[in-house]
Amino acid sequence: MSCLSQRIIRFGTLAAILLLVAAPARAADKEALPPSTPSHQTVPEAAAPGSGGSGEPLSDKLHRQGGVIRPPGGIDPAMTQDPPAQGKMPVIRPPGTPGGEQDVQPK
């Protein structure tokens, strides 16, 4: 082969290698950038009357209810659950202590 054709082959090979190396690096740079944010932010409109919101600040409402958020009453009266029956809580004493099994030797 002539000297010119060898140079063309070498240049082509070098160009292909550089392209294969540079393409993933360029793609990684695009993924590392944070998403673009809009130049302005919109403020949500005030709630329309009758849409469920009240004009009262939420902190005042929470203070009036003693710090407990309660759902509105009468939504589904059939969906209730009674509290568990109040009884004596069973206590399992550790082995070797008064009231516990005396035959068991703790490890």
N, C-alpha and C. Protein backbone atom coordinates (compact mmCIF):
# COMPACT_ATOMS: atom_id res chain seq x y z
N MET A 1 0.84 -1.18 0.00
CA MET A 1 0.00 0.00 0.00
C MET A 1 0.88 1.24 0.00
N SER A 2 0.27 2.28 -0.50
CA SER A 2 1.04 3.51 -0.56
C SER A 2 0.98 4.21 0.79
N CYS A 3 1.85 5.14 0.94
CA CYS A 3 1.96 5.89 2.19
C CYS A 3 0.69 6.70 2.43
N LEU A 4 0.10 7.23 1.37
CA LEU A 4 -1.10 8.04 1.50
C LEU A 4 -2.28 7.19 1.96
N SER A 5 -2.44 6.01 1.42
CA SER A 5 -3.56 5.15 1.82
C SER A 5 -3.39 4.67 3.26
N GLN A 6 -2.17 4.42 3.72
CA GLN A 6 -1.94 4.03 5.11
C GLN A 6 -2.31 5.17 6.06
N ARG A 7 -1.99 6.40 5.67
CA ARG A 7 -2.34 7.55 6.50
C ARG A 7 -3.86 7.72 6.58
N ILE A 8 -4.54 7.50 5.47
CA ILE A 8 -6.00 7.64 5.46
C ILE A 8 -6.62 6.58 6.37
N ILE A 9 -6.11 5.35 6.31
CA ILE A 9 -6.64 4.28 7.16
C ILE A 9 -6.37 4.60 8.63
N ARG A 10 -5.18 5.05 8.96
CA ARG A 10 -4.84 5.40 10.34
C ARG A 10 -5.70 6.56 10.83
N PHE A 11 -5.89 7.56 9.99
CA PHE A 11 -6.71 8.71 10.37
C PHE A 11 -8.16 8.29 10.58
N GLY A 12 -8.68 7.43 9.74
CA GLY A 12 -10.05 6.94 9.88
C GLY A 12 -10.22 6.13 11.15
N THR A 13 -9.25 5.27 11.44
CA THR A 13 -9.30 4.46 12.66
C THR A 13 -9.25 5.35 13.89
N LEU A 14 -8.35 6.33 13.88
CA LEU A 14 -8.22 7.26 15.00
C LEU A 14 -9.51 8.05 15.19
N ALA A 15 -10.11 8.50 14.09
CA ALA A 15 -11.36 9.25 14.18
C ALA A 15 -12.47 8.38 14.74
N ALA A 16 -12.56 7.12 14.35
CA ALA A 16 -13.59 6.22 14.86
C ALA A 16 -13.41 5.97 16.35
N ILE A 17 -12.17 5.78 16.79
CA ILE A 17 -11.90 5.56 18.22
C ILE A 17 -12.29 6.78 19.03
N LEU A 18 -11.92 7.97 18.56
CA LEU A 18 -12.26 9.19 19.28
C LEU A 18 -13.77 9.39 19.35
N LEU A 19 -14.47 9.05 18.29
CA LEU A 19 -15.92 9.17 18.27
C LEU A 19 -16.56 8.22 19.27
N LEU A 20 -16.05 7.00 19.34
CA LEU A 20 -16.60 6.02 20.28
C LEU A 20 -16.35 6.41 21.73
N VAL A 21 -15.24 7.06 21.98
CA VAL A 21 -14.90 7.47 23.34
C VAL A 21 -15.66 8.74 23.72
N ALA A 22 -15.78 9.68 22.80
CA ALA A 22 -16.37 10.99 23.12
C ALA A 22 -17.89 10.94 23.21
N ALA A 23 -18.56 10.08 22.47
CA ALA A 23 -20.03 10.06 22.46
C ALA A 23 -20.62 9.72 23.83
N PRO A 24 -20.18 8.66 24.51
CA PRO A 24 -20.75 8.39 25.85
C PRO A 24 -20.42 9.49 26.85
N ALA A 25 -19.25 10.09 26.75
CA ALA A 25 -18.90 11.15 27.69
C ALA A 25 -19.81 12.35 27.50
N ARG A 26 -20.14 12.67 26.28
CA ARG A 26 -21.03 13.80 26.00
C ARG A 26 -22.44 13.49 26.50
N ALA A 27 -22.89 12.27 26.34
CA ALA A 27 -24.22 11.88 26.83
C ALA A 27 -24.27 11.96 28.35
N ALA A 28 -23.20 11.58 29.03
CA ALA A 28 -23.16 11.63 30.48
C ALA A 28 -23.22 13.07 30.97
N ASP A 29 -22.61 14.01 30.23
CA ASP A 29 -22.66 15.41 30.62
C ASP A 29 -24.09 15.94 30.57
N LYS A 30 -24.86 15.53 29.58
CA LYS A 30 -26.23 16.01 29.46
C LYS A 30 -27.09 15.46 30.59
N GLU A 31 -26.86 14.22 31.02
CA GLU A 31 -27.65 13.63 32.09
C GLU A 31 -27.31 14.24 33.44
N ALA A 32 -26.09 14.74 33.62
CA ALA A 32 -25.66 15.28 34.90
C ALA A 32 -26.25 16.66 35.17
N LEU A 33 -26.72 17.37 34.15
CA LEU A 33 -27.27 18.70 34.34
C LEU A 33 -28.64 18.61 34.99
N PRO A 34 -28.94 19.54 35.90
CA PRO A 34 -30.28 19.53 36.49
C PRO A 34 -31.30 19.97 35.45
N PRO A 35 -32.55 19.56 35.63
CA PRO A 35 -33.57 19.98 34.67
C PRO A 35 -33.75 21.49 34.71
N SER A 36 -34.06 22.06 33.59
CA SER A 36 -34.21 23.51 33.53
C SER A 36 -35.47 23.91 34.29
N THR A 37 -35.36 25.00 35.02
CA THR A 37 -36.48 25.50 35.80
C THR A 37 -37.08 26.69 35.07
N PRO A 38 -38.38 26.89 35.21
CA PRO A 38 -38.97 28.04 34.55
C PRO A 38 -38.47 29.33 35.17
N SER A 39 -38.45 30.38 34.38
CA SER A 39 -37.94 31.65 34.87
C SER A 39 -38.91 32.33 35.82
N HIS A 40 -40.16 31.91 35.85
CA HIS A 40 -41.14 32.49 36.76
C HIS A 40 -41.95 31.37 37.41
N GLN A 41 -42.47 31.67 38.56
CA GLN A 41 -43.29 30.69 39.26
C GLN A 41 -44.69 31.27 39.40
N THR A 42 -45.67 30.41 39.27
CA THR A 42 -47.05 30.87 39.39
C THR A 42 -47.56 30.61 40.79
N VAL A 43 -48.40 31.50 41.27
CA VAL A 43 -49.00 31.38 42.58
C VAL A 43 -50.40 30.81 42.39
N PRO A 44 -50.77 29.76 43.14
CA PRO A 44 -52.11 29.19 42.96
C PRO A 44 -53.17 30.20 43.35
N GLU A 45 -54.29 30.12 42.68
CA GLU A 45 -55.41 31.01 42.97
C GLU A 45 -56.01 30.67 44.32
N ALA A 46 -56.65 31.64 44.93
CA ALA A 46 -57.32 31.41 46.20
C ALA A 46 -58.50 30.47 45.96
N ALA A 47 -58.85 29.69 46.99
CA ALA A 47 -59.95 28.74 46.86
C ALA A 47 -61.26 29.49 46.65
N ALA A 48 -62.06 28.99 45.74
CA ALA A 48 -63.36 29.60 45.48
C ALA A 48 -64.29 29.34 46.64
N PRO A 49 -65.21 30.26 46.93
CA PRO A 49 -66.15 30.02 48.04
C PRO A 49 -66.98 28.77 47.78
N GLY A 50 -67.16 27.97 48.82
CA GLY A 50 -67.94 26.74 48.69
C GLY A 50 -67.14 25.57 48.16
N SER A 51 -65.84 25.72 48.01
CA SER A 51 -65.03 24.62 47.48
C SER A 51 -64.44 23.76 48.58
N GLY A 52 -64.87 23.95 49.82
CA GLY A 52 -64.40 23.11 50.91
C GLY A 52 -63.41 23.83 51.81
N GLY A 53 -62.82 24.89 51.35
CA GLY A 53 -61.86 25.61 52.17
C GLY A 53 -62.56 26.71 52.94
N SER A 54 -62.01 27.08 54.07
CA SER A 54 -62.58 28.19 54.83
C SER A 54 -61.56 29.32 54.82
N GLY A 55 -62.01 30.50 55.13
CA GLY A 55 -61.12 31.64 55.15
C GLY A 55 -60.26 31.68 56.40
N GLU A 56 -60.51 30.78 57.33
CA GLU A 56 -59.78 30.76 58.60
C GLU A 56 -58.40 30.15 58.40
N PRO A 57 -57.37 30.74 59.00
CA PRO A 57 -56.03 30.14 58.90
C PRO A 57 -56.01 28.75 59.53
N LEU A 58 -55.25 27.86 58.92
CA LEU A 58 -55.20 26.47 59.40
C LEU A 58 -54.62 26.37 60.80
N SER A 59 -53.68 27.23 61.16
CA SER A 59 -53.09 27.15 62.50
C SER A 59 -54.13 27.50 63.56
N ASP A 60 -55.03 28.46 63.26
CA ASP A 60 -56.09 28.79 64.22
C ASP A 60 -57.06 27.63 64.36
N LYS A 61 -57.41 27.00 63.26
CA LYS A 61 -58.35 25.87 63.29
C LYS A 61 -57.74 24.71 64.08
N LEU A 62 -56.45 24.45 63.88
CA LEU A 62 -55.78 23.37 64.60
C LEU A 62 -55.72 23.68 66.09
N HIS A 63 -55.47 24.94 66.44
CA HIS A 63 -55.41 25.33 67.85
C HIS A 63 -56.78 25.17 68.51
N ARG A 64 -57.84 25.53 67.80
CA ARG A 64 -59.19 25.42 68.34
C ARG A 64 -59.58 23.97 68.58
N GLN A 65 -59.07 23.05 67.75
CA GLN A 65 -59.41 21.63 67.89
C GLN A 65 -58.45 20.90 68.81
N GLY A 66 -57.60 21.61 69.51
CA GLY A 66 -56.69 20.99 70.46
C GLY A 66 -55.54 20.25 69.79
N GLY A 67 -55.17 20.66 68.59
CA GLY A 67 -54.04 20.04 67.91
C GLY A 67 -54.36 18.73 67.21
N VAL A 68 -55.66 18.41 67.09
CA VAL A 68 -56.07 17.16 66.47
C VAL A 68 -56.82 17.47 65.19
N ILE A 69 -56.43 16.84 64.10
CA ILE A 69 -57.13 17.02 62.84
C ILE A 69 -58.23 15.98 62.77
N ARG A 70 -59.46 16.45 62.68
CA ARG A 70 -60.61 15.55 62.63
C ARG A 70 -61.30 15.69 61.27
N PRO A 71 -61.71 14.58 60.68
CA PRO A 71 -62.44 14.68 59.42
C PRO A 71 -63.84 15.21 59.68
N PRO A 72 -64.49 15.75 58.66
CA PRO A 72 -65.86 16.22 58.87
C PRO A 72 -66.77 15.05 59.25
N GLY A 73 -67.74 15.31 60.09
CA GLY A 73 -68.62 14.25 60.57
C GLY A 73 -69.66 13.84 59.55
N GLY A 74 -70.17 12.61 59.69
CA GLY A 74 -71.27 12.13 58.86
C GLY A 74 -70.89 11.73 57.45
N ILE A 75 -69.64 11.51 57.16
CA ILE A 75 -69.26 11.12 55.80
C ILE A 75 -69.74 9.70 55.52
N ASP A 76 -69.40 8.75 56.38
CA ASP A 76 -69.85 7.37 56.22
C ASP A 76 -70.02 6.78 57.62
N PRO A 77 -71.22 6.93 58.21
CA PRO A 77 -71.41 6.46 59.57
C PRO A 77 -71.23 4.95 59.73
N ALA A 78 -71.41 4.17 58.66
CA ALA A 78 -71.26 2.72 58.77
C ALA A 78 -69.79 2.31 58.86
N MET A 79 -68.91 3.22 58.55
CA MET A 79 -67.49 2.89 58.57
C MET A 79 -66.89 3.31 59.92
N THR A 80 -67.20 2.53 60.94
CA THR A 80 -66.67 2.79 62.27
C THR A 80 -66.05 1.52 62.81
N GLN A 81 -65.17 1.69 63.76
CA GLN A 81 -64.55 0.53 64.40
C GLN A 81 -64.51 0.81 65.89
N ASP A 82 -65.03 -0.13 66.66
CA ASP A 82 -65.04 0.01 68.10
C ASP A 82 -63.63 -0.21 68.64
N PRO A 83 -63.30 0.48 69.73
CA PRO A 83 -61.99 0.26 70.33
C PRO A 83 -61.91 -1.14 70.93
N PRO A 84 -60.72 -1.68 71.09
CA PRO A 84 -60.60 -3.02 71.67
C PRO A 84 -61.12 -3.03 73.11
N ALA A 85 -61.60 -4.20 73.51
CA ALA A 85 -62.17 -4.34 74.85
C ALA A 85 -61.08 -4.09 75.90
N GLN A 86 -61.47 -3.33 76.90
CA GLN A 86 -60.52 -3.03 77.98
C GLN A 86 -60.47 -4.24 78.91
N GLY A 87 -59.32 -4.75 79.12
CA GLY A 87 -59.17 -5.89 80.01
C GLY A 87 -57.78 -5.85 80.61
N LYS A 88 -57.48 -6.90 81.34
CA LYS A 88 -56.16 -6.94 81.96
C LYS A 88 -55.15 -7.41 80.92
N MET A 89 -54.09 -6.67 80.79
CA MET A 89 -53.03 -7.00 79.85
C MET A 89 -52.23 -8.18 80.41
N PRO A 90 -52.09 -9.26 79.63
CA PRO A 90 -51.31 -10.38 80.14
C PRO A 90 -49.83 -10.01 80.23
N VAL A 91 -49.22 -10.38 81.34
CA VAL A 91 -47.81 -10.10 81.56
C VAL A 91 -47.08 -11.43 81.65
N ILE A 92 -46.06 -11.58 80.82
CA ILE A 92 -45.24 -12.79 80.85
C ILE A 92 -43.96 -12.45 81.60
N ARG A 93 -43.83 -13.04 82.75
CA ARG A 93 -42.68 -12.75 83.60
C ARG A 93 -41.44 -13.47 83.06
N PRO A 94 -40.27 -12.88 83.17
CA PRO A 94 -39.04 -13.54 82.74
C PRO A 94 -38.75 -14.75 83.61
N PRO A 95 -38.11 -15.78 83.03
CA PRO A 95 -37.78 -16.96 83.82
C PRO A 95 -36.83 -16.61 84.98
N GLY A 96 -37.07 -17.25 86.10
CA GLY A 96 -36.20 -17.05 87.26
C GLY A 96 -36.64 -15.90 88.15
N THR A 97 -37.63 -15.14 87.76
CA THR A 97 -38.11 -14.02 88.59
C THR A 97 -39.39 -14.45 89.29
N PRO A 98 -39.78 -13.76 90.36
CA PRO A 98 -41.02 -14.12 91.03
C PRO A 98 -42.20 -14.03 90.07
N GLY A 99 -42.98 -15.10 90.00
CA GLY A 99 -44.11 -15.16 89.10
C GLY A 99 -43.76 -15.80 87.77
N GLY A 100 -42.49 -15.94 87.46
CA GLY A 100 -42.05 -16.58 86.23
C GLY A 100 -41.73 -18.04 86.48
N GLU A 101 -41.43 -18.76 85.40
CA GLU A 101 -41.08 -20.18 85.56
C GLU A 101 -39.74 -20.29 86.28
N GLN A 102 -39.73 -21.11 87.35
CA GLN A 102 -38.51 -21.28 88.12
C GLN A 102 -37.63 -22.39 87.58
N ASP A 103 -38.21 -23.28 86.75
CA ASP A 103 -37.45 -24.43 86.25
C ASP A 103 -36.51 -24.05 85.09
N VAL A 104 -36.77 -22.95 84.42
CA VAL A 104 -36.00 -22.57 83.25
C VAL A 104 -34.77 -21.77 83.69
N GLN A 105 -33.63 -22.13 83.17
CA GLN A 105 -32.40 -21.42 83.47
C GLN A 105 -32.07 -20.49 82.29
N PRO A 106 -32.03 -19.17 82.50
CA PRO A 106 -31.70 -18.26 81.42
C PRO A 106 -30.29 -18.48 80.94
N LYS A 107 -30.07 -18.25 79.67
CA LYS A 107 -28.71 -18.42 79.10
C LYS A 107 -27.87 -17.21 79.34
